Each structure stands twice: as structure tokens, then as C-alpha cells.
Amino acid sequence: MGRPSKYTEEFQRDAVDLVRSSGRPINQVARELGMSHETLRNWVRKQERQTGTGPASGGDALSVADKDAEIARLRREVAGVAAGEGDPAQGSRVFREGDGSVTSRFRFISAHRATWSVKRLCRILAVSRSGFYRWAASEPARQARAAAEDALAEQIRIIHADSGGAYGSPRVTVELRDRGVRVNRKRVERIMRQREIVGWHLRRRKRTTIPDPAAPPAPDLIGRDFTATTPDQRWCGDITYLRVGGGWLYLATVIDIATRCLIGWSINTHMRTSLIIDALDAAVAARSGRVDGVIFHSDRGAQYVSRDFADACQRHGIRRSMGRIGSSYDNALAEAFFATLKRELDVDHHRWTTEPDARRDVFRWIAFYNHRRRHSALGYLSPADYEQTLTPATLQQIAA
């Protein structure tokens, strides 16, 4: 019998759906998910055989079409960004009463020197000819600086758009430096402010925890210390809700505290105990089943104190840990993850109409979070990249 897959059926379905809905080639989606493109292609072929859709070969014909669609989409986006709103270029000024700008007068002189003499214009505008000529001599350097500023702004726009609008100036700065661009964070902040490029901000969120005071709790083995020296030493998790049409979807998570990686999750229309057990089983599968002794920390919601969940933890050799009732700080890392997810998916203003649309967007964001989103607590590396900085022994254990 072969080794069990580290990917759950839920993950496989969502991955294939992402390929079909995103209009992107399989190898690009596979990179975002941190997996082999051959594995993902096999899943797509399997679904094509089961449903009788797609090319018989299941090969790259689909990828070529997807690539063309993606190129067309990017061109439309770039065109939309480049079109602007008809505002004057950043840094330019309009010559007007009360402006008080010598530069604006020099520009006026430069624009009309073919009609009137420089001497006359300087006299009327009360500026010196020598000052104007010095300014004119430095015009090429100013144009070069403006061109460099525009080029940097375009890079910032691309990085910001590529993050789904999530990145603010700190993460944009780190991304630029990682791409070989030497830039000061204050400069990035200024350009983003001038061009109104803004990352998402925190918003208030509701709580979904339903405590069960009568159930026997587990001890708090974390004590608000959300640190770990190696992966699979401490995990934490929680449940949150997502509004879909007139109903709800619920997302259960398992986060590795050492790497901030979301290693297990499950989405369903209910928040019964089976939801968090599915998320836990997904995390165990992602770590190839070797998690004996790991601590799993949660709040005291009814699902987490249930006998079924306790049995699931015992089956995997997982030690349960719980914070106090009504204290979000006792599970702050899981709370912070949900705040980030909801902020960057803009759930306060965005309403999904169908369950597949919601699942698809959440799955796409989780892939971005794990493999590309820069985390401030990890030195602005993504969780997946941070894991690559750990010891070879640990990496071998994770990859096995």
C-alpha cells in the first residue's frame, strides 16, 4: 500500500477549482500552492476523466489557453492603472496667485521663452536670469529623477496589486529590496501616500466562540507565549465565519506557531466538532503523520472541549492546551490570523453570493499567505520561505 497523501480531498478539490477558475496555467498555480505541478496536473486530469470535460490528453493545451487569458487580463489591469484619473503628475504645480513657488515661475518662463525674451519674463515675474539658467541647466537631471520616481511607483503598484491590495509600505519595501531595488522605506511611504496606494487596515470583528463551562478544560500550556523554536512543537487554531449570500461558511484553522504557516484548515457550512477535526487531520497529513507530542492551543469553545476532539488529539499523540474563557489574548495568534484574512479579503464590504466563490477566494488567499505573503514576525519572509531557513533535519522531517 502506498504512503497516504499529505493533501486532503478538500485541498485537492479546491486546488483543481482554482486552476479552472483563475485562468492561469497549472505550473503557476502549483508554485503558489507550494507543490509539484505534475501532482496538480494529475488532479486536473483525474477530474477531467471523472466528469468527461477538458481535452482527452489533459496536457498543456489547457495551459496555453489559460496563459493567453492571463496575459489578456494583466494587460487590461495595466491599462486600467496606466489610465489614471486625469490628475496632474505628482510633484507638478500650477502657477497661480499665492503659490509662492519660484520653480513654477521658472517653468512658466521655459514654456514661453520662444514668444518673449527671458530677460523680460524674469523681470515681470521677479526672478533672476542667472537663477533661471541654473534651473534650466539642471532640467535633464530633474527629468531623470522624475522618470526614476515614476518607474519606482510602477513597481510599487505591481507589488501592491500582486498582494491583493494587502501590502503597506513596510512589506512593499522589503519586497523591493528582495528584488534588488535599494530604497528607503520613507521614500516608499511617500510615493504610496502621494499616489494613494494604501494597504488594508484592521477592522473590528465578531467572536464565534461558544464556551462550554461545564466541560472539563485542558490546561494552558502556552501562557500567551506564542513562540516556538522548531516546527511541530506548538500549534494553535480557532474558528471564524464568512458571510455567503443569506448564510454562513465556517473556517477552522491549524497554525504552526514556529513558522506561522497555516498547515491545516477546513471550510464547511456548519461549525460542528467534525469541522475542527477535519482541520486537525489535514494538519497531521501535511506533516506526514509524525506529530507526536505537539501542543495544540485553542480557546474553550464547545467544539474544542468536546470528547470527539479530545479523542482525535489522543489518536495523533497531540497534547491539548486551552486559554481562559472570554480572553482573546490567550489565543492571540489565531485571532491575529483571522484579522489579517478578513482585512485582506475585505469581508466587511465584500459579500459572496455563492459558496464556491467564497471557498475559491479563501483558498487562493491561503496559498498567497503561506507561500508569498511577507510576515513581519518572520523577518518579512513568507511562512514557506521561513521554513527553508531552518535546520536540515527539520526540513527533512517536514518534506518527508
Protein backbone atom coordinates (compact mmCIF):
# COMPACT_ATOMS: atom_id res chain seq x y z
CA MET A 1 0.00 0.00 0.00
CA GLY A 2 1.37 3.44 -0.94
CA ARG A 3 2.04 6.20 1.53
CA PRO A 4 -1.05 8.31 2.34
CA SER A 5 -1.21 11.66 0.55
CA LYS A 6 -0.30 14.77 2.52
CA TYR A 7 -3.15 16.57 0.72
CA THR A 8 -6.74 16.09 1.83
CA GLU A 9 -9.58 15.58 -0.64
CA GLU A 10 -10.87 19.04 0.26
CA PHE A 11 -7.49 20.55 -0.64
CA GLN A 12 -7.39 18.66 -3.95
CA ARG A 13 -10.89 19.81 -4.94
CA ASP A 14 -10.12 23.42 -4.10
CA ALA A 15 -6.79 23.30 -5.96
CA VAL A 16 -8.40 21.96 -9.15
CA ASP A 17 -11.18 24.55 -8.85
CA LEU A 18 -8.53 27.29 -8.54
CA VAL A 19 -6.87 26.11 -11.76
CA ARG A 20 -10.15 26.13 -13.67
CA SER A 21 -11.49 29.41 -12.30
CA SER A 22 -8.34 31.54 -12.28
CA GLY A 23 -7.48 31.32 -15.98
CA ARG A 24 -3.83 30.63 -15.13
CA PRO A 25 -1.52 27.79 -16.21
CA ILE A 26 -1.16 24.80 -13.94
CA ASN A 27 2.53 25.34 -13.17
CA GLN A 28 1.85 28.89 -11.95
CA VAL A 29 -0.94 27.78 -9.60
CA ALA A 30 1.24 24.91 -8.37
CA ARG A 31 4.02 27.35 -7.46
CA GLU A 32 1.56 29.45 -5.46
CA LEU A 33 0.42 26.32 -3.60
CA GLY A 34 3.99 25.18 -2.96
CA MET A 35 3.50 21.83 -4.65
CA SER A 36 4.60 19.85 -7.70
CA HIS A 37 2.95 20.95 -10.94
CA GLU A 38 2.82 17.30 -12.03
CA THR A 39 0.77 16.41 -8.96
CA LEU A 40 -1.65 19.25 -9.64
CA ARG A 41 -1.85 18.32 -13.34
CA ASN A 42 -2.70 14.74 -12.36
CA TRP A 43 -5.54 16.01 -10.18
CA VAL A 44 -6.88 18.08 -13.08
CA ARG A 45 -6.66 15.08 -15.43
CA LYS A 46 -8.42 12.90 -12.88
CA GLN A 47 -11.32 15.32 -12.63
CA GLU A 48 -11.49 15.58 -16.42
CA ARG A 49 -11.79 11.80 -16.67
CA GLN A 50 -14.44 11.69 -13.95
CA THR A 51 -16.53 14.50 -15.42
CA GLY A 52 -15.80 13.92 -19.12
CA THR A 53 -14.62 17.51 -19.59
CA GLY A 54 -11.44 19.02 -21.00
CA PRO A 55 -9.02 17.66 -23.58
CA ALA A 56 -8.55 13.89 -23.68
CA SER A 57 -4.83 14.21 -23.09
CA GLY A 58 -5.24 16.57 -20.14
CA GLY A 59 -1.94 18.08 -21.26
CA ASP A 60 -0.70 21.54 -21.92
CA ALA A 61 -3.39 22.62 -24.40
CA LEU A 62 -5.38 23.90 -21.46
CA SER A 63 -2.34 25.64 -20.04
CA VAL A 64 -1.70 27.54 -23.30
CA ALA A 65 -5.28 28.79 -23.36
CA ASP A 66 -5.08 29.72 -19.68
CA LYS A 67 -1.84 31.58 -20.29
CA ASP A 68 -3.39 33.62 -23.12
CA ALA A 69 -6.31 34.50 -20.87
CA GLU A 70 -3.97 35.57 -18.10
CA ILE A 71 -1.94 37.78 -20.44
CA ALA A 72 -5.13 39.47 -21.64
CA ARG A 73 -6.26 40.01 -18.04
CA LEU A 74 -2.93 41.54 -17.00
CA ARG A 75 -2.97 43.86 -19.99
CA ARG A 76 -6.41 45.09 -19.01
CA GLU A 77 -5.25 45.68 -15.44
CA VAL A 78 -2.11 47.51 -16.50
CA ALA A 79 -4.16 49.63 -18.92
CA GLY A 80 -6.55 50.47 -16.11
CA VAL A 81 -3.70 51.51 -13.82
CA ALA A 82 -1.93 53.50 -16.52
CA ALA A 83 -5.10 55.36 -17.48
CA GLY A 84 -5.24 57.16 -14.14
CA GLU A 85 -7.94 59.62 -13.17
CA GLY A 86 -6.74 62.61 -15.22
CA ASP A 87 -4.89 64.13 -12.26
CA PRO A 88 -1.75 66.23 -12.85
CA ALA A 89 1.54 64.38 -12.40
CA GLN A 90 2.73 64.11 -8.81
CA GLY A 91 5.21 66.87 -7.92
CA SER A 92 4.00 69.34 -10.58
CA ARG A 93 2.46 72.66 -9.52
CA VAL A 94 0.05 75.05 -11.18
CA PHE A 95 1.21 78.63 -11.49
CA ARG A 96 -1.37 80.61 -9.55
CA GLU A 97 -1.71 83.53 -7.19
CA GLY A 98 -0.44 82.71 -3.73
CA ASP A 99 1.66 79.77 -4.97
CA GLY A 100 4.91 81.41 -3.90
CA SER A 101 6.92 78.88 -5.90
CA VAL A 102 9.99 80.08 -7.79
CA THR A 103 10.04 76.74 -9.61
CA SER A 104 6.57 77.36 -11.05
CA ARG A 105 7.79 80.73 -12.41
CA PHE A 106 10.84 79.12 -13.96
CA ARG A 107 8.58 76.60 -15.67
CA PHE A 108 6.39 79.38 -17.00
CA ILE A 109 9.45 81.17 -18.40
CA SER A 110 10.73 77.98 -20.00
CA ALA A 111 7.35 77.34 -21.63
CA HIS A 112 7.10 80.88 -23.10
CA ARG A 113 10.71 81.81 -23.86
CA ALA A 114 10.13 81.29 -27.58
CA THR A 115 7.49 84.09 -27.53
CA TRP A 116 9.07 86.58 -25.14
CA SER A 117 12.63 87.19 -24.09
CA VAL A 118 13.96 85.55 -20.94
CA LYS A 119 15.07 88.94 -19.66
CA ARG A 120 11.56 90.35 -19.94
CA LEU A 121 9.87 87.35 -18.39
CA CYS A 122 12.31 87.31 -15.47
CA ARG A 123 11.69 90.99 -14.82
CA ILE A 124 7.90 90.58 -14.88
CA LEU A 125 7.98 87.51 -12.63
CA ALA A 126 10.61 89.00 -10.28
CA VAL A 127 13.21 86.25 -10.60
CA SER A 128 16.86 86.43 -11.58
CA ARG A 129 18.08 85.38 -15.03
CA SER A 130 21.07 83.58 -13.52
CA GLY A 131 18.76 81.59 -11.29
CA PHE A 132 16.60 80.64 -14.25
CA TYR A 133 19.59 79.49 -16.32
CA ARG A 134 20.93 77.40 -13.42
CA TRP A 135 17.47 75.83 -13.11
CA ALA A 136 17.30 75.17 -16.88
CA ALA A 137 20.77 73.57 -16.86
CA SER A 138 19.62 71.09 -14.21
CA GLU A 139 16.46 70.13 -16.11
CA PRO A 140 17.87 66.84 -17.53
CA ALA A 141 18.80 65.69 -14.02
CA ARG A 142 15.30 66.56 -12.75
CA GLN A 143 13.70 64.68 -15.59
CA ALA A 144 15.88 61.65 -14.84
CA ARG A 145 14.86 61.78 -11.17
CA ALA A 146 11.19 62.10 -12.12
CA ALA A 147 11.49 59.15 -14.51
CA ALA A 148 13.14 57.06 -11.78
CA GLU A 149 10.37 58.04 -9.36
CA ASP A 150 7.69 57.04 -11.87
CA ALA A 151 9.44 53.70 -12.53
CA LEU A 152 9.64 53.00 -8.79
CA ALA A 153 5.98 53.95 -8.37
CA GLU A 154 5.04 51.47 -11.09
CA GLN A 155 6.98 48.70 -9.32
CA ILE A 156 5.18 49.61 -6.10
CA ARG A 157 1.81 49.45 -7.86
CA ILE A 158 2.59 46.00 -9.23
CA ILE A 159 3.74 44.65 -5.85
CA HIS A 160 0.71 46.17 -4.12
CA ALA A 161 -1.69 44.72 -6.72
CA ASP A 162 0.08 41.36 -6.61
CA SER A 163 -0.57 41.20 -2.86
CA GLY A 164 -4.27 41.69 -3.44
CA GLY A 165 -4.03 45.23 -2.09
CA ALA A 166 -2.80 43.95 1.27
CA TYR A 167 0.74 45.29 1.47
CA GLY A 168 1.56 48.61 3.11
CA SER A 169 4.90 50.41 2.86
CA PRO A 170 6.90 48.05 5.18
CA ARG A 171 6.20 44.91 3.16
CA VAL A 172 6.46 46.73 -0.15
CA THR A 173 9.90 48.00 0.90
CA VAL A 174 11.08 44.51 1.81
CA GLU A 175 9.74 43.11 -1.46
CA LEU A 176 11.56 45.82 -3.44
CA ARG A 177 14.83 45.13 -1.64
CA ASP A 178 14.40 41.41 -2.23
CA ARG A 179 14.14 42.23 -5.94
CA GLY A 180 17.40 44.14 -5.82
CA VAL A 181 15.99 47.67 -5.52
CA ARG A 182 17.83 49.78 -2.95
CA VAL A 183 15.22 52.04 -1.48
CA ASN A 184 14.40 53.78 1.79
CA ARG A 185 11.13 52.89 3.49
CA LYS A 186 10.25 56.58 3.93
CA ARG A 187 10.55 57.07 0.19
CA VAL A 188 8.23 54.14 -0.47
CA GLU A 189 5.80 55.51 2.11
CA ARG A 190 5.86 58.94 0.47
CA ILE A 191 5.26 57.57 -3.03
CA MET A 192 2.41 55.37 -1.84
CA ARG A 193 0.84 58.30 0.00
CA GLN A 194 1.16 60.65 -2.99
CA ARG A 195 -0.35 58.09 -5.36
CA GLU A 196 -2.96 56.89 -2.85
CA ILE A 197 -1.67 53.31 -2.80
CA VAL A 198 -2.99 52.01 0.53
CA GLY A 199 -2.83 48.61 2.24
CA TRP A 200 -5.76 47.21 4.15
CA HIS A 201 -6.39 48.38 7.73
CA LEU A 202 -7.68 46.49 10.74
CA ARG A 203 -11.41 46.40 11.33
CA ARG A 204 -13.44 45.16 14.23
CA ARG A 205 -14.65 41.56 14.06
CA LYS A 206 -17.21 39.44 15.86
CA ARG A 207 -16.44 36.46 18.00
CA THR A 208 -17.68 32.94 17.23
CA THR A 209 -16.50 31.14 20.35
CA ILE A 210 -19.30 29.35 22.19
CA PRO A 211 -17.87 28.39 25.59
CA ASP A 212 -18.93 25.28 27.45
CA PRO A 213 -18.16 25.96 31.14
CA ALA A 214 -19.42 22.53 32.17
CA ALA A 215 -16.92 20.62 30.01
CA PRO A 216 -13.58 19.64 31.57
CA PRO A 217 -10.93 22.04 30.19
CA ALA A 218 -7.34 21.27 29.26
CA PRO A 219 -4.53 23.18 30.99
CA ASP A 220 -2.99 26.29 29.42
CA LEU A 221 0.42 25.06 28.23
CA ILE A 222 1.14 28.26 26.25
CA GLY A 223 0.52 31.05 28.74
CA ARG A 224 0.34 33.69 25.98
CA ASP A 225 3.86 32.76 24.89
CA PHE A 226 3.31 32.35 21.15
CA THR A 227 6.85 31.33 20.31
CA ALA A 228 8.45 28.02 19.36
CA THR A 229 11.97 27.00 18.41
CA THR A 230 11.06 24.34 15.82
CA PRO A 231 8.06 23.41 13.67
CA ASP A 232 5.55 20.93 15.11
CA GLN A 233 6.36 21.98 18.65
CA ARG A 234 3.31 24.21 19.19
CA TRP A 235 0.18 24.67 17.09
CA CYS A 236 -2.87 26.86 17.62
CA GLY A 237 -6.26 27.17 15.96
CA ASP A 238 -9.72 28.69 16.00
CA ILE A 239 -12.97 29.01 14.02
CA THR A 240 -14.25 32.05 12.15
CA TYR A 241 -17.28 32.80 10.00
CA LEU A 242 -17.72 34.15 6.45
CA ARG A 243 -20.97 35.65 5.20
CA VAL A 244 -22.15 33.98 1.96
CA GLY A 245 -25.44 35.14 0.48
CA GLY A 246 -28.04 34.67 3.18
CA GLY A 247 -26.00 32.12 5.12
CA TRP A 248 -22.54 31.40 6.50
CA LEU A 249 -19.40 29.43 5.86
CA TYR A 250 -17.10 28.50 8.73
CA LEU A 251 -13.31 28.19 8.55
CA ALA A 252 -11.34 26.13 11.08
CA THR A 253 -7.56 26.51 11.18
CA VAL A 254 -4.37 24.92 12.49
CA ILE A 255 -1.32 27.22 12.58
CA ASP A 256 2.26 26.20 13.31
CA ILE A 257 3.40 28.77 15.88
CA ALA A 258 7.09 28.49 14.94
CA THR A 259 6.59 29.28 11.24
CA ARG A 260 3.14 30.97 11.24
CA CYS A 261 2.26 28.54 8.44
CA LEU A 262 -1.39 27.53 8.09
CA ILE A 263 -0.76 23.79 7.88
CA GLY A 264 -4.36 22.61 8.18
CA TRP A 265 -7.80 24.04 7.56
CA SER A 266 -11.34 23.08 6.67
CA ILE A 267 -14.32 25.05 5.34
CA ASN A 268 -17.93 23.98 5.73
CA THR A 269 -21.46 25.27 6.19
CA HIS A 270 -21.54 24.16 9.84
CA MET A 271 -19.31 24.64 12.89
CA ARG A 272 -19.77 21.22 14.46
CA THR A 273 -16.84 19.39 16.03
CA SER A 274 -16.18 17.50 12.79
CA LEU A 275 -15.09 20.82 11.23
CA ILE A 276 -12.15 21.26 13.61
CA ILE A 277 -11.29 17.55 13.46
CA ASP A 278 -11.07 17.80 9.66
CA ALA A 279 -8.71 20.78 10.02
CA LEU A 280 -6.60 18.87 12.55
CA ASP A 281 -6.45 15.77 10.33
CA ALA A 282 -5.36 17.98 7.41
CA ALA A 283 -2.52 19.43 9.50
CA VAL A 284 -1.38 15.95 10.57
CA ALA A 285 -1.45 14.81 6.93
CA ALA A 286 0.55 17.87 5.87
CA ARG A 287 3.23 16.86 8.39
CA SER A 288 3.10 13.23 7.15
CA GLY A 289 1.54 11.95 10.36
CA ARG A 290 4.58 12.45 12.61
CA VAL A 291 3.32 14.95 15.19
CA ASP A 292 3.54 13.01 18.43
CA GLY A 293 3.95 15.39 21.37
CA VAL A 294 2.91 18.60 19.59
CA ILE A 295 0.87 21.04 21.67
CA PHE A 296 -2.38 22.30 20.13
CA HIS A 297 -3.67 25.50 21.75
CA SER A 298 -7.23 26.82 21.39
CA ASP A 299 -9.92 28.73 23.22
CA ARG A 300 -12.57 26.94 25.27
CA GLY A 301 -15.25 26.79 22.60
CA ALA A 302 -17.64 23.89 22.82
CA GLN A 303 -16.03 22.15 19.83
CA TYR A 304 -12.53 22.20 21.33
CA VAL A 305 -13.60 20.87 24.73
CA SER A 306 -15.69 18.08 23.20
CA ARG A 307 -14.91 14.40 23.76
CA ASP A 308 -14.65 13.78 20.00
CA PHE A 309 -11.93 16.38 19.60
CA ALA A 310 -10.08 15.08 22.66
CA ASP A 311 -10.16 11.59 21.13
CA ALA A 312 -8.83 12.95 17.81
CA CYS A 313 -5.92 14.65 19.61
CA GLN A 314 -5.16 11.48 21.56
CA ARG A 315 -5.21 9.44 18.37
CA HIS A 316 -2.47 11.64 16.88
CA GLY A 317 -0.48 12.00 20.10
CA ILE A 318 -1.32 15.71 20.38
CA ARG A 319 -1.38 17.49 23.76
CA ARG A 320 -4.31 19.89 24.20
CA SER A 321 -3.91 23.39 25.63
CA MET A 322 -6.63 25.97 26.28
CA GLY A 323 -6.81 29.62 27.27
CA ARG A 324 -9.31 31.19 29.60
CA ILE A 325 -12.95 31.85 28.79
CA GLY A 326 -13.58 35.25 27.18
CA SER A 327 -9.92 36.23 26.76
CA SER A 328 -8.93 36.74 23.13
CA TYR A 329 -5.34 37.44 24.21
CA ASP A 330 -4.99 33.81 25.31
CA ASN A 331 -5.32 32.78 21.66
CA ALA A 332 -3.92 35.97 20.15
CA LEU A 333 -2.02 34.38 17.27
CA ALA A 334 -5.12 32.66 15.85
CA GLU A 335 -7.13 35.85 16.36
CA ALA A 336 -4.48 37.87 14.52
CA PHE A 337 -4.52 35.44 11.60
CA PHE A 338 -8.27 35.84 11.18
CA ALA A 339 -7.98 39.62 11.44
CA THR A 340 -5.44 39.57 8.61
CA LEU A 341 -7.54 37.25 6.46
CA LYS A 342 -10.71 39.32 6.88
CA ARG A 343 -8.90 42.60 6.36
CA GLU A 344 -7.17 41.49 3.17
CA LEU A 345 -10.26 39.77 1.76
CA ASP A 346 -12.22 42.89 2.78
CA VAL A 347 -15.09 40.82 4.15
CA ASP A 348 -16.69 43.89 5.77
CA HIS A 349 -17.55 45.28 2.33
CA HIS A 350 -17.39 42.22 0.08
CA ARG A 351 -20.29 39.77 0.10
CA TRP A 352 -20.01 36.44 -1.67
CA THR A 353 -23.18 35.22 -3.35
CA THR A 354 -22.22 31.54 -3.68
CA GLU A 355 -20.29 29.04 -1.60
CA PRO A 356 -17.88 28.08 -4.45
CA ASP A 357 -16.89 31.75 -4.92
CA ALA A 358 -16.15 32.14 -1.21
CA ARG A 359 -14.19 28.88 -0.99
CA ARG A 360 -12.18 29.81 -4.06
CA ASP A 361 -11.21 33.26 -2.74
CA VAL A 362 -10.28 31.92 0.69
CA PHE A 363 -8.25 29.06 -0.79
CA ARG A 364 -6.42 31.47 -3.11
CA TRP A 365 -5.62 33.80 -0.19
CA ILE A 366 -4.36 30.95 1.99
CA ALA A 367 -1.99 29.91 -0.82
CA PHE A 368 -0.78 33.52 -1.03
CA TYR A 369 -0.41 33.74 2.76
CA ASN A 370 1.62 30.53 3.10
CA HIS A 371 3.92 30.91 0.12
CA ARG A 372 4.21 34.58 -0.78
CA ARG A 373 2.90 36.97 1.88
CA ARG A 374 5.71 38.53 3.90
CA HIS A 375 5.24 38.16 7.65
CA SER A 376 6.66 40.83 9.95
CA ALA A 377 7.30 38.28 12.75
CA LEU A 378 9.42 36.16 10.36
CA GLY A 379 11.78 38.90 9.23
CA TYR A 380 9.42 39.67 6.34
CA LEU A 381 9.74 36.18 4.87
CA SER A 382 6.72 34.12 3.91
CA PRO A 383 5.98 31.14 6.20
CA ALA A 384 7.13 28.72 3.49
CA ASP A 385 10.37 30.64 2.89
CA TYR A 386 10.97 30.87 6.63
CA GLU A 387 10.73 27.11 6.97
CA GLN A 388 13.51 26.86 4.39
CA THR A 389 15.82 28.77 6.74
CA LEU A 390 15.52 26.14 9.47
CA THR A 391 17.84 23.21 10.12
CA PRO A 392 18.27 20.43 7.51
CA ALA A 393 16.96 17.88 9.97
CA THR A 394 13.78 19.85 10.42
CA LEU A 395 13.35 20.39 6.71
CA GLN A 396 13.79 16.68 6.08
CA GLN A 397 11.10 15.91 8.63
CA ILE A 398 8.69 18.47 7.07
CA ALA A 399 9.29 17.34 3.48
CA ALA A 400 9.05 13.60 4.18
